[in-house]
PDB file of N, CA and C in Angstrom:
ATOM      1  N   MET A   1      25.872   8.057   6.733  1.00  0.00           N
ATOM      2  CA  MET A   1      25.976   9.475   6.405  1.00  0.00           C
ATOM      3  C   MET A   1      27.053   9.665   5.348  1.00  0.00           C
ATOM      4  N   SER A   2      26.968  10.745   4.663  1.00  0.00           N
ATOM      5  CA  SER A   2      27.981  11.034   3.655  1.00  0.00           C
ATOM      6  C   SER A   2      28.947  12.106   4.169  1.00  0.00           C
ATOM      7  N   VAL A   3      29.932  12.412   3.360  1.00  0.00           N
ATOM      8  CA  VAL A   3      30.907  13.447   3.703  1.00  0.00           C
ATOM      9  C   VAL A   3      30.406  14.773   3.149  1.00  0.00           C
ATOM     10  N   THR A   4      30.349  15.782   4.000  1.00  0.00           N
ATOM     11  CA  THR A   4      29.945  17.125   3.593  1.00  0.00           C
ATOM     12  C   THR A   4      31.163  17.855   3.036  1.00  0.00           C
ATOM     13  N   VAL A   5      31.024  18.414   1.851  1.00  0.00           N
ATOM     14  CA  VAL A   5      32.110  19.186   1.250  1.00  0.00           C
ATOM     15  C   VAL A   5      31.924  20.647   1.652  1.00  0.00           C
ATOM     16  N   ILE A   6      32.918  21.185   2.344  1.00  0.00           N
ATOM     17  CA  ILE A   6      32.867  22.578   2.804  1.00  0.00           C
ATOM     18  C   ILE A   6      33.590  23.446   1.787  1.00  0.00           C
ATOM     19  N   GLU A   7      32.868  24.428   1.236  1.00  0.00           N
ATOM     20  CA  GLU A   7      33.445  25.258   0.178  1.00  0.00           C
ATOM     21  C   GLU A   7      33.572  26.728   0.532  1.00  0.00           C
ATOM     22  N   THR A   8      33.022  27.130   1.676  1.00  0.00           N
ATOM     23  CA  THR A   8      33.098  28.546   2.055  1.00  0.00           C
ATOM     24  C   THR A   8      33.424  28.673   3.542  1.00  0.00           C
ATOM     25  N   ALA A   9      33.921  29.837   3.906  1.00  0.00           N
ATOM     26  CA  ALA A   9      34.215  30.118   5.315  1.00  0.00           C
ATOM     27  C   ALA A   9      32.934  30.069   6.142  1.00  0.00           C
ATOM     28  N   GLU A  10      31.822  30.508   5.565  1.00  0.00           N
ATOM     29  CA  GLU A  10      30.553  30.502   6.271  1.00  0.00           C
ATOM     30  C   GLU A  10      30.106  29.076   6.581  1.00  0.00           C
ATOM     31  N   GLN A  11      30.231  28.174   5.597  1.00  0.00           N
ATOM     32  CA  GLN A  11      29.881  26.768   5.820  1.00  0.00           C
ATOM     33  C   GLN A  11      30.768  26.169   6.909  1.00  0.00           C
ATOM     34  N   TYR A  12      32.039  26.494   6.867  1.00  0.00           N
ATOM     35  CA  TYR A  12      32.988  25.980   7.850  1.00  0.00           C
ATOM     36  C   TYR A  12      32.600  26.438   9.256  1.00  0.00           C
ATOM     37  N   GLN A  13      32.344  27.719   9.425  1.00  0.00           N
ATOM     38  CA  GLN A  13      31.983  28.265  10.730  1.00  0.00           C
ATOM     39  C   GLN A  13      30.673  27.658  11.245  1.00  0.00           C
ATOM     40  N   GLU A  14      29.717  27.509  10.358  1.00  0.00           N
ATOM     41  CA  GLU A  14      28.438  26.909  10.748  1.00  0.00           C
ATOM     42  C   GLU A  14      28.648  25.470  11.224  1.00  0.00           C
ATOM     43  N   LEU A  15      29.479  24.720  10.515  1.00  0.00           N
ATOM     44  CA  LEU A  15      29.737  23.334  10.886  1.00  0.00           C
ATOM     45  C   LEU A  15      30.428  23.225  12.237  1.00  0.00           C
ATOM     46  N   ILE A  16      31.512  23.964  12.424  1.00  0.00           N
ATOM     47  CA  ILE A  16      32.302  23.784  13.647  1.00  0.00           C
ATOM     48  C   ILE A  16      31.634  24.380  14.876  1.00  0.00           C
ATOM     49  N   ASN A  17      30.642  25.228  14.668  1.00  0.00           N
ATOM     50  CA  ASN A  17      29.954  25.847  15.802  1.00  0.00           C
ATOM     51  C   ASN A  17      28.542  25.295  16.003  1.00  0.00           C
ATOM     52  N   SER A  18      28.234  24.152  15.390  1.00  0.00           N
ATOM     53  CA  SER A  18      26.918  23.534  15.565  1.00  0.00           C
ATOM     54  C   SER A  18      26.819  22.957  16.974  1.00  0.00           C
ATOM     55  N   PRO A  19      25.875  23.435  17.772  1.00  0.00           N
ATOM     56  CA  PRO A  19      25.755  22.964  19.160  1.00  0.00           C
ATOM     57  C   PRO A  19      25.537  21.448  19.233  1.00  0.00           C
ATOM     58  N   GLY A  20      26.308  20.809  20.106  1.00  0.00           N
ATOM     59  CA  GLY A  20      26.153  19.381  20.334  1.00  0.00           C
ATOM     60  C   GLY A  20      26.734  18.483  19.268  1.00  0.00           C
ATOM     61  N   LYS A  21      27.335  19.054  18.241  1.00  0.00           N
ATOM     62  CA  LYS A  21      27.900  18.268  17.148  1.00  0.00           C
ATOM     63  C   LYS A  21      29.420  18.263  17.234  1.00  0.00           C
ATOM     64  N   LYS A  22      29.991  17.167  16.757  1.00  0.00           N
ATOM     65  CA  LYS A  22      31.438  17.069  16.603  1.00  0.00           C
ATOM     66  C   LYS A  22      31.701  16.906  15.115  1.00  0.00           C
ATOM     67  N   ALA A  23      32.638  17.677  14.610  1.00  0.00           N
ATOM     68  CA  ALA A  23      32.991  17.600  13.194  1.00  0.00           C
ATOM     69  C   ALA A  23      34.361  16.954  13.049  1.00  0.00           C
ATOM     70  N   ILE A  24      34.457  15.990  12.157  1.00  0.00           N
ATOM     71  CA  ILE A  24      35.741  15.406  11.797  1.00  0.00           C
ATOM     72  C   ILE A  24      35.991  15.829  10.360  1.00  0.00           C
ATOM     73  N   ILE A  25      37.024  16.645  10.188  1.00  0.00           N
ATOM     74  CA  ILE A  25      37.277  17.266   8.880  1.00  0.00           C
ATOM     75  C   ILE A  25      38.567  16.744   8.283  1.00  0.00           C
ATOM     76  N   ASP A  26      38.472  16.337   7.039  1.00  0.00           N
ATOM     77  CA  ASP A  26      39.624  15.908   6.241  1.00  0.00           C
ATOM     78  C   ASP A  26      40.117  17.126   5.468  1.00  0.00           C
ATOM     79  N   PHE A  27      41.296  17.627   5.835  1.00  0.00           N
ATOM     80  CA  PHE A  27      41.927  18.713   5.087  1.00  0.00           C
ATOM     81  C   PHE A  27      42.840  18.068   4.056  1.00  0.00           C
ATOM     82  N   TRP A  28      42.634  18.399   2.793  1.00  0.00           N
ATOM     83  CA  TRP A  28      43.311  17.723   1.699  1.00  0.00           C
ATOM     84  C   TRP A  28      43.589  18.703   0.561  1.00  0.00           C
ATOM     85  N   ALA A  29      44.262  18.221  -0.477  1.00  0.00           N
ATOM     86  CA  ALA A  29      44.490  19.014  -1.688  1.00  0.00           C
ATOM     87  C   ALA A  29      44.408  18.078  -2.894  1.00  0.00           C
ATOM     88  N   ASP A  30      43.987  18.621  -4.005  1.00  0.00           N
ATOM     89  CA  ASP A  30      43.803  17.835  -5.225  1.00  0.00           C
ATOM     90  C   ASP A  30      45.111  17.228  -5.726  1.00  0.00           C
ATOM     91  N   TRP A  31      46.226  17.892  -5.505  1.00  0.00           N
ATOM     92  CA  TRP A  31      47.524  17.423  -5.994  1.00  0.00           C
ATOM     93  C   TRP A  31      48.170  16.385  -5.069  1.00  0.00           C
ATOM     94  N   CYS A  32      47.546  16.103  -3.919  1.00  0.00           N
ATOM     95  CA  CYS A  32      48.137  15.258  -2.882  1.00  0.00           C
ATOM     96  C   CYS A  32      47.772  13.783  -3.086  1.00  0.00           C
ATOM     97  N   GLY A  33      48.758  12.975  -3.477  1.00  0.00           N
ATOM     98  CA  GLY A  33      48.540  11.545  -3.675  1.00  0.00           C
ATOM     99  C   GLY A  33      48.087  10.819  -2.423  1.00  0.00           C
ATOM    100  N   PRO A  34      48.761  11.027  -1.267  1.00  0.00           N
ATOM    101  CA  PRO A  34      48.310  10.373  -0.034  1.00  0.00           C
ATOM    102  C   PRO A  34      46.879  10.765   0.365  1.00  0.00           C
ATOM    103  N   CYS A  35      46.490  12.002   0.053  1.00  0.00           N
ATOM    104  CA  CYS A  35      45.117  12.443   0.346  1.00  0.00           C
ATOM    105  C   CYS A  35      44.119  11.610  -0.451  1.00  0.00           C
ATOM    106  N   LYS A  36      44.440  11.385  -1.710  1.00  0.00           N
ATOM    107  CA  LYS A  36      43.565  10.582  -2.575  1.00  0.00           C
ATOM    108  C   LYS A  36      43.537   9.126  -2.120  1.00  0.00           C
ATOM    109  N   ALA A  37      44.669   8.640  -1.600  1.00  0.00           N
ATOM    110  CA  ALA A  37      44.751   7.247  -1.171  1.00  0.00           C
ATOM    111  C   ALA A  37      43.874   6.968   0.049  1.00  0.00           C
ATOM    112  N   ILE A  38      43.803   7.911   0.975  1.00  0.00           N
ATOM    113  CA  ILE A  38      43.043   7.683   2.211  1.00  0.00           C
ATOM    114  C   ILE A  38      41.574   8.108   2.094  1.00  0.00           C
ATOM    115  N   ALA A  39      41.246   8.865   1.077  1.00  0.00           N
ATOM    116  CA  ALA A  39      39.880   9.373   0.916  1.00  0.00           C
ATOM    117  C   ALA A  39      38.808   8.276   0.944  1.00  0.00           C
ATOM    118  N   PRO A  40      39.000   7.131   0.293  1.00  0.00           N
ATOM    119  CA  PRO A  40      37.961   6.094   0.356  1.00  0.00           C
ATOM    120  C   PRO A  40      37.723   5.548   1.773  1.00  0.00           C
ATOM    121  N   ARG A  41      38.772   5.477   2.584  1.00  0.00           N
ATOM    122  CA  ARG A  41      38.594   5.019   3.965  1.00  0.00           C
ATOM    123  C   ARG A  41      37.778   6.029   4.768  1.00  0.00           C
ATOM    124  N   PHE A  42      38.057   7.319   4.554  1.00  0.00           N
ATOM    125  CA  PHE A  42      37.304   8.370   5.242  1.00  0.00           C
ATOM    126  C   PHE A  42      35.835   8.313   4.819  1.00  0.00           C
ATOM    127  N   GLN A  43      35.597   8.148   3.524  1.00  0.00           N
ATOM    128  CA  GLN A  43      34.236   8.063   2.988  1.00  0.00           C
ATOM    129  C   GLN A  43      33.499   6.858   3.583  1.00  0.00           C
ATOM    130  N   LYS A  44      34.184   5.714   3.666  1.00  0.00           N
ATOM    131  CA  LYS A  44      33.566   4.502   4.209  1.00  0.00           C
ATOM    132  C   LYS A  44      33.185   4.679   5.682  1.00  0.00           C
ATOM    133  N   LEU A  45      34.062   5.327   6.452  1.00  0.00           N
ATOM    134  CA  LEU A  45      33.747   5.598   7.860  1.00  0.00           C
ATOM    135  C   LEU A  45      32.530   6.512   7.977  1.00  0.00           C
ATOM    136  N   ALA A  46      32.473   7.520   7.118  1.00  0.00           N
ATOM    137  CA  ALA A  46      31.332   8.441   7.140  1.00  0.00           C
ATOM    138  C   ALA A  46      30.041   7.695   6.826  1.00  0.00           C
ATOM    139  N   GLU A  47      30.084   6.824   5.827  1.00  0.00           N
ATOM    140  CA  GLU A  47      28.891   6.092   5.422  1.00  0.00           C
ATOM    141  C   GLU A  47      28.436   5.097   6.481  1.00  0.00           C
ATOM    142  N   SER A  48      29.371   4.552   7.248  1.00  0.00           N
ATOM    143  CA  SER A  48      28.998   3.572   8.273  1.00  0.00           C
ATOM    144  C   SER A  48      28.680   4.223   9.626  1.00  0.00           C
ATOM    145  N   ASN A  49      28.890   5.520   9.738  1.00  0.00           N
ATOM    146  CA  ASN A  49      28.647   6.237  10.984  1.00  0.00           C
ATOM    147  C   ASN A  49      27.141   6.312  11.283  1.00  0.00           C
ATOM    148  N   THR A  50      26.762   5.942  12.491  1.00  0.00           N
ATOM    149  CA  THR A  50      25.361   6.031  12.893  1.00  0.00           C
ATOM    150  C   THR A  50      25.142   7.081  13.973  1.00  0.00           C
ATOM    151  N   ASP A  51      26.198   7.729  14.412  1.00  0.00           N
ATOM    152  CA  ASP A  51      26.116   8.754  15.448  1.00  0.00           C
ATOM    153  C   ASP A  51      25.725  10.084  14.805  1.00  0.00           C
ATOM    154  N   GLU A  52      24.506  10.527  15.074  1.00  0.00           N
ATOM    155  CA  GLU A  52      24.004  11.766  14.462  1.00  0.00           C
ATOM    156  C   GLU A  52      24.745  13.006  14.952  1.00  0.00           C
ATOM    157  N   ASN A  53      25.515  12.875  16.020  1.00  0.00           N
ATOM    158  CA  ASN A  53      26.254  14.018  16.554  1.00  0.00           C
ATOM    159  C   ASN A  53      27.666  14.131  15.980  1.00  0.00           C
ATOM    160  N   ILE A  54      28.027  13.231  15.061  1.00  0.00           N
ATOM    161  CA  ILE A  54      29.328  13.286  14.393  1.00  0.00           C
ATOM    162  C   ILE A  54      29.086  13.626  12.932  1.00  0.00           C
ATOM    163  N   VAL A  55      29.755  14.670  12.457  1.00  0.00           N
ATOM    164  CA  VAL A  55      29.645  15.087  11.064  1.00  0.00           C
ATOM    165  C   VAL A  55      31.015  14.919  10.410  1.00  0.00           C
ATOM    166  N   PHE A  56      31.039  14.274   9.261  1.00  0.00           N
ATOM    167  CA  PHE A  56      32.263  14.110   8.484  1.00  0.00           C
ATOM    168  C   PHE A  56      32.265  15.140   7.369  1.00  0.00           C
ATOM    169  N   ALA A  57      33.402  15.819   7.207  1.00  0.00           N
ATOM    170  CA  ALA A  57      33.485  16.868   6.192  1.00  0.00           C
ATOM    171  C   ALA A  57      34.870  16.888   5.562  1.00  0.00           C
ATOM    172  N   LYS A  58      34.943  17.541   4.409  1.00  0.00           N
ATOM    173  CA  LYS A  58      36.207  17.701   3.696  1.00  0.00           C
ATOM    174  C   LYS A  58      36.399  19.172   3.357  1.00  0.00           C
ATOM    175  N   VAL A  59      37.648  19.625   3.487  1.00  0.00           N
ATOM    176  CA  VAL A  59      38.006  20.982   3.088  1.00  0.00           C
ATOM    177  C   VAL A  59      39.237  20.878   2.201  1.00  0.00           C
ATOM    178  N   GLU A  60      39.097  21.342   0.970  1.00  0.00           N
ATOM    179  CA  GLU A  60      40.253  21.361   0.073  1.00  0.00           C
ATOM    180  C   GLU A  60      41.062  22.620   0.354  1.00  0.00           C
ATOM    181  N   LEU A  61      42.298  22.430   0.771  1.00  0.00           N
ATOM    182  CA  LEU A  61      43.164  23.569   1.077  1.00  0.00           C
ATOM    183  C   LEU A  61      43.678  24.193  -0.214  1.00  0.00           C
ATOM    184  N   MET A  62      43.644  25.508  -0.253  1.00  0.00           N
ATOM    185  CA  MET A  62      44.121  26.272  -1.412  1.00  0.00           C
ATOM    186  C   MET A  62      45.238  27.202  -0.952  1.00  0.00           C
ATOM    187  N   MET A  63      46.308  26.612  -0.464  1.00  0.00           N
ATOM    188  CA  MET A  63      47.392  27.387   0.138  1.00  0.00           C
ATOM    189  C   MET A  63      48.165  28.236  -0.870  1.00  0.00           C
ATOM    190  N   GLU A  64      48.077  27.889  -2.145  1.00  0.00           N
ATOM    191  CA  GLU A  64      48.798  28.671  -3.145  1.00  0.00           C
ATOM    192  C   GLU A  64      48.176  30.052  -3.369  1.00  0.00           C
ATOM    193  N   ASP A  65      46.943  30.238  -2.908  1.00  0.00           N
ATOM    194  CA  ASP A  65      46.264  31.526  -3.013  1.00  0.00           C
ATOM    195  C   ASP A  65      46.195  32.140  -1.612  1.00  0.00           C
ATOM    196  N   PRO A  66      47.072  33.099  -1.287  1.00  0.00           N
ATOM    197  CA  PRO A  66      47.119  33.648   0.076  1.00  0.00           C
ATOM    198  C   PRO A  66      45.823  34.319   0.522  1.00  0.00           C
ATOM    199  N   ASN A  67      44.925  34.630  -0.424  1.00  0.00           N
ATOM    200  CA  ASN A  67      43.662  35.273  -0.073  1.00  0.00           C
ATOM    201  C   ASN A  67      42.507  34.282   0.077  1.00  0.00           C
ATOM    202  N   HIS A  68      42.773  33.000  -0.146  1.00  0.00           N
ATOM    203  CA  HIS A  68      41.707  32.004  -0.063  1.00  0.00           C
ATOM    204  C   HIS A  68      41.306  31.785   1.391  1.00  0.00           C
ATOM    205  N   TRP A  69      40.038  31.553   1.649  1.00  0.00           N
ATOM    206  CA  TRP A  69      39.522  31.431   3.024  1.00  0.00           C
ATOM    207  C   TRP A  69      40.160  30.293   3.800  1.00  0.00           C
ATOM    208  N   THR A  70      40.707  29.287   3.122  1.00  0.00           N
ATOM    209  CA  THR A  70      41.268  28.145   3.853  1.00  0.00           C
ATOM    210  C   THR A  70      42.632  28.436   4.468  1.00  0.00           C
ATOM    211  N   VAL A  71      43.328  29.459   3.997  1.00  0.00           N
ATOM    212  CA  VAL A  71      44.668  29.768   4.510  1.00  0.00           C
ATOM    213  C   VAL A  71      44.646  30.099   6.009  1.00  0.00           C
ATOM    214  N   PRO A  72      43.809  31.048   6.467  1.00  0.00           N
ATOM    215  CA  PRO A  72      43.803  31.320   7.910  1.00  0.00           C
ATOM    216  C   PRO A  72      43.290  30.136   8.742  1.00  0.00           C
ATOM    217  N   VAL A  73      42.390  29.337   8.177  1.00  0.00           N
ATOM    218  CA  VAL A  73      41.903  28.151   8.889  1.00  0.00           C
ATOM    219  C   VAL A  73      43.054  27.173   9.106  1.00  0.00           C
ATOM    220  N   ALA A  74      43.810  26.906   8.052  1.00  0.00           N
ATOM    221  CA  ALA A  74      44.954  25.996   8.153  1.00  0.00           C
ATOM    222  C   ALA A  74      45.980  26.527   9.147  1.00  0.00           C
ATOM    223  N   ASN A  75      46.224  27.806   9.117  1.00  0.00           N
ATOM    224  CA  ASN A  75      47.179  28.403  10.055  1.00  0.00           C
ATOM    225  C   ASN A  75      46.689  28.291  11.497  1.00  0.00           C
ATOM    226  N   GLU A  76      45.420  28.584  11.715  1.00  0.00           N
ATOM    227  CA  GLU A  76      44.849  28.521  13.068  1.00  0.00           C
ATOM    228  C   GLU A  76      44.912  27.100  13.632  1.00  0.00           C
ATOM    229  N   LEU A  77      44.660  26.111  12.782  1.00  0.00           N
ATOM    230  CA  LEU A  77      44.655  24.713  13.230  1.00  0.00           C
ATOM    231  C   LEU A  77      46.045  24.074  13.163  1.00  0.00           C
ATOM    232  N   LYS A  78      47.039  24.854  12.739  1.00  0.00           N
ATOM    233  CA  LYS A  78      48.426  24.395  12.658  1.00  0.00           C
ATOM    234  C   LYS A  78      48.587  23.190  11.719  1.00  0.00           C
ATOM    235  N   ILE A  79      47.926  23.280  10.568  1.00  0.00           N
ATOM    236  CA  ILE A  79      48.038  22.233   9.560  1.00  0.00           C
ATOM    237  C   ILE A  79      49.255  22.540   8.703  1.00  0.00           C
ATOM    238  N   VAL A  80      50.274  21.695   8.818  1.00  0.00           N
ATOM    239  CA  VAL A  80      51.509  21.910   8.056  1.00  0.00           C
ATOM    240  C   VAL A  80      51.761  20.785   7.058  1.00  0.00           C
ATOM    241  N   SER A  81      50.975  19.716   7.148  1.00  0.00           N
ATOM    242  CA  SER A  81      51.088  18.633   6.176  1.00  0.00           C
ATOM    243  C   SER A  81      49.700  18.028   5.970  1.00  0.00           C
ATOM    244  N   ILE A  82      49.533  17.395   4.821  1.00  0.00           N
ATOM    245  CA  ILE A  82      48.243  16.781   4.498  1.00  0.00           C
ATOM    246  C   ILE A  82      48.487  15.377   3.972  1.00  0.00           C
ATOM    247  N   PRO A  83      47.502  14.497   4.102  1.00  0.00           N
ATOM    248  CA  PRO A  83      46.187  14.727   4.692  1.00  0.00           C
ATOM    249  C   PRO A  83      46.278  14.963   6.194  1.00  0.00           C
ATOM    250  N   HIS A  84      45.343  15.750   6.673  1.00  0.00           N
ATOM    251  CA  HIS A  84      45.297  16.089   8.095  1.00  0.00           C
ATOM    252  C   HIS A  84      43.832  16.040   8.520  1.00  0.00           C
ATOM    253  N   PHE A  85      43.542  15.262   9.531  1.00  0.00           N
ATOM    254  CA  PHE A  85      42.181  15.091  10.022  1.00  0.00           C
ATOM    255  C   PHE A  85      42.064  15.806  11.357  1.00  0.00           C
ATOM    256  N   VAL A  86      41.088  16.705  11.445  1.00  0.00           N
ATOM    257  CA  VAL A  86      40.910  17.508  12.654  1.00  0.00           C
ATOM    258  C   VAL A  86      39.487  17.312  13.153  1.00  0.00           C
ATOM    259  N   ALA A  87      39.364  17.092  14.456  1.00  0.00           N
ATOM    260  CA  ALA A  87      38.047  16.994  15.095  1.00  0.00           C
ATOM    261  C   ALA A  87      37.811  18.272  15.884  1.00  0.00           C
ATOM    262  N   LEU A  88      36.623  18.836  15.707  1.00  0.00           N
ATOM    263  CA  LEU A  88      36.257  20.067  16.401  1.00  0.00           C
ATOM    264  C   LEU A  88      34.890  19.909  17.046  1.00  0.00           C
ATOM    265  N   SER A  89      34.731  20.556  18.184  1.00  0.00           N
ATOM    266  CA  SER A  89      33.453  20.583  18.881  1.00  0.00           C
ATOM    267  C   SER A  89      33.290  21.961  19.496  1.00  0.00           C
ATOM    268  N   ASP A  90      32.144  22.567  19.270  1.00  0.00           N
ATOM    269  CA  ASP A  90      31.887  23.927  19.770  1.00  0.00           C
ATOM    270  C   ASP A  90      32.995  24.893  19.373  1.00  0.00           C
ATOM    271  N   GLY A  91      33.505  24.747  18.154  1.00  0.00           N
ATOM    272  CA  GLY A  91      34.526  25.649  17.637  1.00  0.00           C
ATOM    273  C   GLY A  91      35.930  25.391  18.140  1.00  0.00           C
ATOM    274  N   LYS A  92      36.115  24.355  18.958  1.00  0.00           N
ATOM    275  CA  LYS A  92      37.436  24.078  19.529  1.00  0.00           C
ATOM    276  C   LYS A  92      37.974  22.752  19.000  1.00  0.00           C
ATOM    277  N   LYS A  93      39.275  22.742  18.763  1.00  0.00           N
ATOM    278  CA  LYS A  93      39.943  21.525  18.307  1.00  0.00           C
ATOM    279  C   LYS A  93      40.009  20.528  19.457  1.00  0.00           C
ATOM    280  N   ILE A  94      39.509  19.313  19.216  1.00  0.00           N
ATOM    281  CA  ILE A  94      39.520  18.293  20.256  1.00  0.00           C
ATOM    282  C   ILE A  94      40.393  17.093  19.884  1.00  0.00           C
ATOM    283  N   GLY A  95      40.953  17.116  18.684  1.00  0.00           N
ATOM    284  CA  GLY A  95      41.840  16.036  18.276  1.00  0.00           C
ATOM    285  C   GLY A  95      42.301  16.221  16.851  1.00  0.00           C
ATOM    286  N   SER A  96      43.408  15.572  16.516  1.00  0.00           N
ATOM    287  CA  SER A  96      43.877  15.609  15.132  1.00  0.00           C
ATOM    288  C   SER A  96      44.811  14.436  14.857  1.00  0.00           C
ATOM    289  N   GLN A  97      44.856  14.056  13.609  1.00  0.00           N
ATOM    290  CA  GLN A  97      45.749  13.012  13.113  1.00  0.00           C
ATOM    291  C   GLN A  97      46.192  13.444  11.730  1.00  0.00           C
ATOM    292  N   LYS A  98      47.413  13.083  11.368  1.00  0.00           N
ATOM    293  CA  LYS A  98      47.865  13.447  10.027  1.00  0.00           C
ATOM    294  C   LYS A  98      48.557  12.263   9.367  1.00  0.00           C
ATOM    295  N   GLY A  99      48.539  12.298   8.049  1.00  0.00           N
ATOM    296  CA  GLY A  99      49.180  11.257   7.263  1.00  0.00           C
ATOM    297  C   GLY A  99      48.178  10.271   6.694  1.00  0.00           C
ATOM    298  N   SER A 100      48.641   9.492   5.732  1.00  0.00           N
ATOM    299  CA  SER A 100      47.749   8.537   5.073  1.00  0.00           C
ATOM    300  C   SER A 100      47.765   7.164   5.733  1.00  0.00           C
ATOM    301  N   GLN A 101      48.621   6.984   6.724  1.00  0.00           N
ATOM    302  CA  GLN A 101      48.710   5.688   7.402  1.00  0.00           C
ATOM    303  C   GLN A 101      48.018   5.674   8.764  1.00  0.00           C
ATOM    304  N   VAL A 102      47.279   6.728   9.089  1.00  0.00           N
ATOM    305  CA  VAL A 102      46.629   6.803  10.396  1.00  0.00           C
ATOM    306  C   VAL A 102      45.505   5.783  10.499  1.00  0.00           C
ATOM    307  N   ASP A 103      45.202   5.390  11.716  1.00  0.00           N
ATOM    308  CA  ASP A 103      44.082   4.497  11.970  1.00  0.00           C
ATOM    309  C   ASP A 103      42.846   5.371  12.149  1.00  0.00           C
ATOM    310  N   LEU A 104      42.164   5.639  11.037  1.00  0.00           N
ATOM    311  CA  LEU A 104      41.012   6.534  11.080  1.00  0.00           C
ATOM    312  C   LEU A 104      39.883   5.986  11.952  1.00  0.00           C
ATOM    313  N   ALA A 105      39.673   4.677  11.915  1.00  0.00           N
ATOM    314  CA  ALA A 105      38.596   4.085  12.724  1.00  0.00           C
ATOM    315  C   ALA A 105      38.858   4.326  14.208  1.00  0.00           C
ATOM    316  N   ALA A 106      40.096   4.159  14.640  1.00  0.00           N
ATOM    317  CA  ALA A 106      40.440   4.401  16.045  1.00  0.00           C
ATOM    318  C   ALA A 106      40.276   5.876  16.383  1.00  0.00           C
ATOM    319  N   PHE A 107      40.661   6.758  15.468  1.00  0.00           N
ATOM    320  CA  PHE A 107      40.520   8.200  15.690  1.00  0.00           C
ATOM    321  C   PHE A 107      39.046   8.566  15.852  1.00  0.00           C
ATOM    322  N   VAL A 108      38.197   8.048  14.973  1.00  0.00           N
ATOM    323  CA  VAL A 108      36.757   8.338  15.057  1.00  0.00           C
ATOM    324  C   VAL A 108      36.193   7.803  16.375  1.00  0.00           C
ATOM    325  N   SER A 109      36.574   6.598  16.762  1.00  0.00           N
ATOM    326  CA  SER A 109      36.104   6.023  18.029  1.00  0.00           C
ATOM    327  C   SER A 109      36.523   6.887  19.218  1.00  0.00           C
ATOM    328  N   GLU A 110      37.747   7.390  19.164  1.00  0.00           N
ATOM    329  CA  GLU A 110      38.250   8.259  20.227  1.00  0.00           C
ATOM    330  C   GLU A 110      37.427   9.540  20.320  1.00  0.00           C
ATOM    331  N   ILE A 111      37.089  10.111  19.175  1.00  0.00           N
ATOM    332  CA  ILE A 111      36.301  11.352  19.158  1.00  0.00           C
ATOM    333  C   ILE A 111      34.878  11.071  19.641  1.00  0.00           C
ATOM    334  N   GLN A 112      34.309   9.955  19.238  1.00  0.00           N
ATOM    335  CA  GLN A 112      32.959   9.604  19.687  1.00  0.00           C
ATOM    336  C   GLN A 112      32.919   9.450  21.204  1.00  0.00           C
ATOM    337  N   ALA A 113      33.974   8.899  21.775  1.00  0.00           N
ATOM    338  CA  ALA A 113      34.011   8.642  23.214  1.00  0.00           C
ATOM    339  C   ALA A 113      34.341   9.882  24.038  1.00  0.00           C
ATOM    340  N   SER A 114      34.866  10.922  23.392  1.00  0.00           N
ATOM    341  CA  SER A 114      35.259  12.126  24.133  1.00  0.00           C
ATOM    342  C   SER A 114      34.017  12.869  24.616  1.00  0.00           C
ATOM    343  N   ALA A 115      34.186  13.539  25.744  1.00  0.00           N
ATOM    344  CA  ALA A 115      33.062  14.272  26.343  1.00  0.00           C
ATOM    345  C   ALA A 115      32.687  15.485  25.545  1.00  0.00           C
TER     346      ALA A 115
END
């Protein structure tokens, strides 16, 4: 599978509220070097994923624009540093990891195993 790029609040809501699906979202920014460094690992995990109930997505945070749709999302999920990976199921946060040194494979395995 590939990584879905989320560009609107509507796409985000549809993704996180998809029944029976778990979303693993990479919150990142274009100016963030560590975000760019870990992006290929996230992409590789998405491509090797065979679980149809796991969706990999990316959301570019636009925190410099207080009116951008990503600002309240970041605040709600308590994202204070990036890269930040958040897993959601039925609209609820079920896990998160932050930083470019995280073990993404272990995080994905943990989310797959969660009820």
